Amino acid sequence: KKDGPKALTDQDLLNGPQLPGNGTNQADIDALLASFD
C-alpha cells in the first residue's frame, strides 16, 4: 500500500523494497539497463 510520494534515502535504496510486489521486477530492471546501451 502506497500512501503517496516518499523521499527515498540512500539507506532505503540499499535495502530495496520491503514488501512483496512493491518493487521493480527483474525484467523491468533488465529493460531499463538495456535502454542505457
N, C-alpha and C. Protein backbone atom coordinates (compact mmCIF):
# COMPACT_ATOMS: atom_id res chain seq x y z
N LYS A 1 0.85 -1.20 0.00
CA LYS A 1 0.00 0.00 0.00
C LYS A 1 0.88 1.24 0.00
N LYS A 2 0.66 2.09 -0.97
CA LYS A 2 1.45 3.31 -1.05
C LYS A 2 0.62 4.49 -0.57
N ASP A 3 1.19 5.28 0.33
CA ASP A 3 0.48 6.42 0.88
C ASP A 3 0.87 7.71 0.19
N GLY A 4 1.48 7.60 -0.99
CA GLY A 4 1.88 8.80 -1.71
C GLY A 4 3.40 8.88 -1.79
N PRO A 5 3.89 9.91 -2.45
CA PRO A 5 5.34 10.06 -2.64
C PRO A 5 6.06 10.12 -1.30
N LYS A 6 7.21 9.46 -1.26
CA LYS A 6 8.03 9.48 -0.05
C LYS A 6 9.48 9.65 -0.48
N ALA A 7 10.16 10.56 0.18
CA ALA A 7 11.56 10.78 -0.16
C ALA A 7 12.37 9.54 0.19
N LEU A 8 13.11 9.02 -0.79
CA LEU A 8 13.93 7.86 -0.54
C LEU A 8 15.32 8.29 -0.11
N THR A 9 15.80 7.66 0.95
CA THR A 9 17.17 7.91 1.39
C THR A 9 18.09 6.87 0.76
N ASP A 10 19.39 7.09 0.86
CA ASP A 10 20.34 6.10 0.35
C ASP A 10 20.11 4.75 1.01
N GLN A 11 19.78 4.77 2.30
CA GLN A 11 19.55 3.51 3.00
C GLN A 11 18.33 2.78 2.44
N ASP A 12 17.29 3.53 2.12
CA ASP A 12 16.10 2.91 1.51
C ASP A 12 16.48 2.23 0.21
N LEU A 13 17.29 2.92 -0.60
CA LEU A 13 17.67 2.38 -1.89
C LEU A 13 18.53 1.13 -1.73
N LEU A 14 19.40 1.13 -0.73
CA LEU A 14 20.25 -0.03 -0.49
C LEU A 14 19.43 -1.22 -0.02
N ASN A 15 18.42 -0.95 0.80
CA ASN A 15 17.60 -2.03 1.34
C ASN A 15 16.65 -2.59 0.29
N GLY A 16 16.23 -1.75 -0.61
CA GLY A 16 15.30 -2.20 -1.63
C GLY A 16 13.89 -2.31 -1.06
N PRO A 17 12.96 -2.75 -1.88
CA PRO A 17 11.57 -2.87 -1.44
C PRO A 17 11.44 -3.86 -0.29
N GLN A 18 10.64 -3.52 0.69
CA GLN A 18 10.47 -4.38 1.86
C GLN A 18 9.19 -5.21 1.78
N LEU A 19 8.27 -4.84 0.90
CA LEU A 19 7.01 -5.55 0.79
C LEU A 19 6.94 -6.29 -0.54
N PRO A 20 6.42 -7.53 -0.53
CA PRO A 20 6.29 -8.30 -1.77
C PRO A 20 5.47 -7.55 -2.81
N GLY A 21 5.95 -7.54 -4.04
CA GLY A 21 5.19 -6.90 -5.11
C GLY A 21 5.27 -5.39 -5.09
N ASN A 22 6.14 -4.85 -4.25
CA ASN A 22 6.20 -3.39 -4.12
C ASN A 22 7.37 -2.80 -4.89
N GLY A 23 8.11 -3.66 -5.60
CA GLY A 23 9.30 -3.16 -6.29
C GLY A 23 9.26 -3.42 -7.77
N THR A 24 10.37 -3.15 -8.41
CA THR A 24 10.50 -3.38 -9.84
C THR A 24 10.95 -4.82 -10.05
N ASN A 25 10.29 -5.52 -10.96
CA ASN A 25 10.70 -6.90 -11.19
C ASN A 25 11.96 -6.94 -12.06
N GLN A 26 12.60 -8.10 -12.12
CA GLN A 26 13.89 -8.21 -12.79
C GLN A 26 13.79 -7.89 -14.27
N ALA A 27 12.68 -8.27 -14.90
CA ALA A 27 12.51 -7.98 -16.33
C ALA A 27 12.51 -6.48 -16.58
N ASP A 28 11.82 -5.74 -15.71
CA ASP A 28 11.80 -4.28 -15.86
C ASP A 28 13.19 -3.69 -15.66
N ILE A 29 13.92 -4.24 -14.68
CA ILE A 29 15.29 -3.77 -14.43
C ILE A 29 16.17 -4.04 -15.64
N ASP A 30 16.07 -5.24 -16.20
CA ASP A 30 16.87 -5.58 -17.37
C ASP A 30 16.56 -4.65 -18.53
N ALA A 31 15.29 -4.37 -18.74
CA ALA A 31 14.88 -3.49 -19.84
C ALA A 31 15.42 -2.08 -19.62
N LEU A 32 15.38 -1.62 -18.39
CA LEU A 32 15.88 -0.29 -18.07
C LEU A 32 17.39 -0.22 -18.32
N LEU A 33 18.11 -1.22 -17.85
CA LEU A 33 19.56 -1.23 -18.06
C LEU A 33 19.89 -1.30 -19.54
N ALA A 34 19.15 -2.09 -20.29
CA ALA A 34 19.40 -2.22 -21.72
C ALA A 34 19.17 -0.89 -22.44
N SER A 35 18.28 -0.07 -21.89
CA SER A 35 17.97 1.20 -22.54
C SER A 35 19.14 2.18 -22.48
N PHE A 36 20.11 1.90 -21.61
CA PHE A 36 21.27 2.79 -21.49
C PHE A 36 22.37 2.43 -22.49
N ASP A 37 22.26 1.26 -23.11
CA ASP A 37 23.31 0.82 -24.04
C ASP A 37 23.33 1.65 -25.31
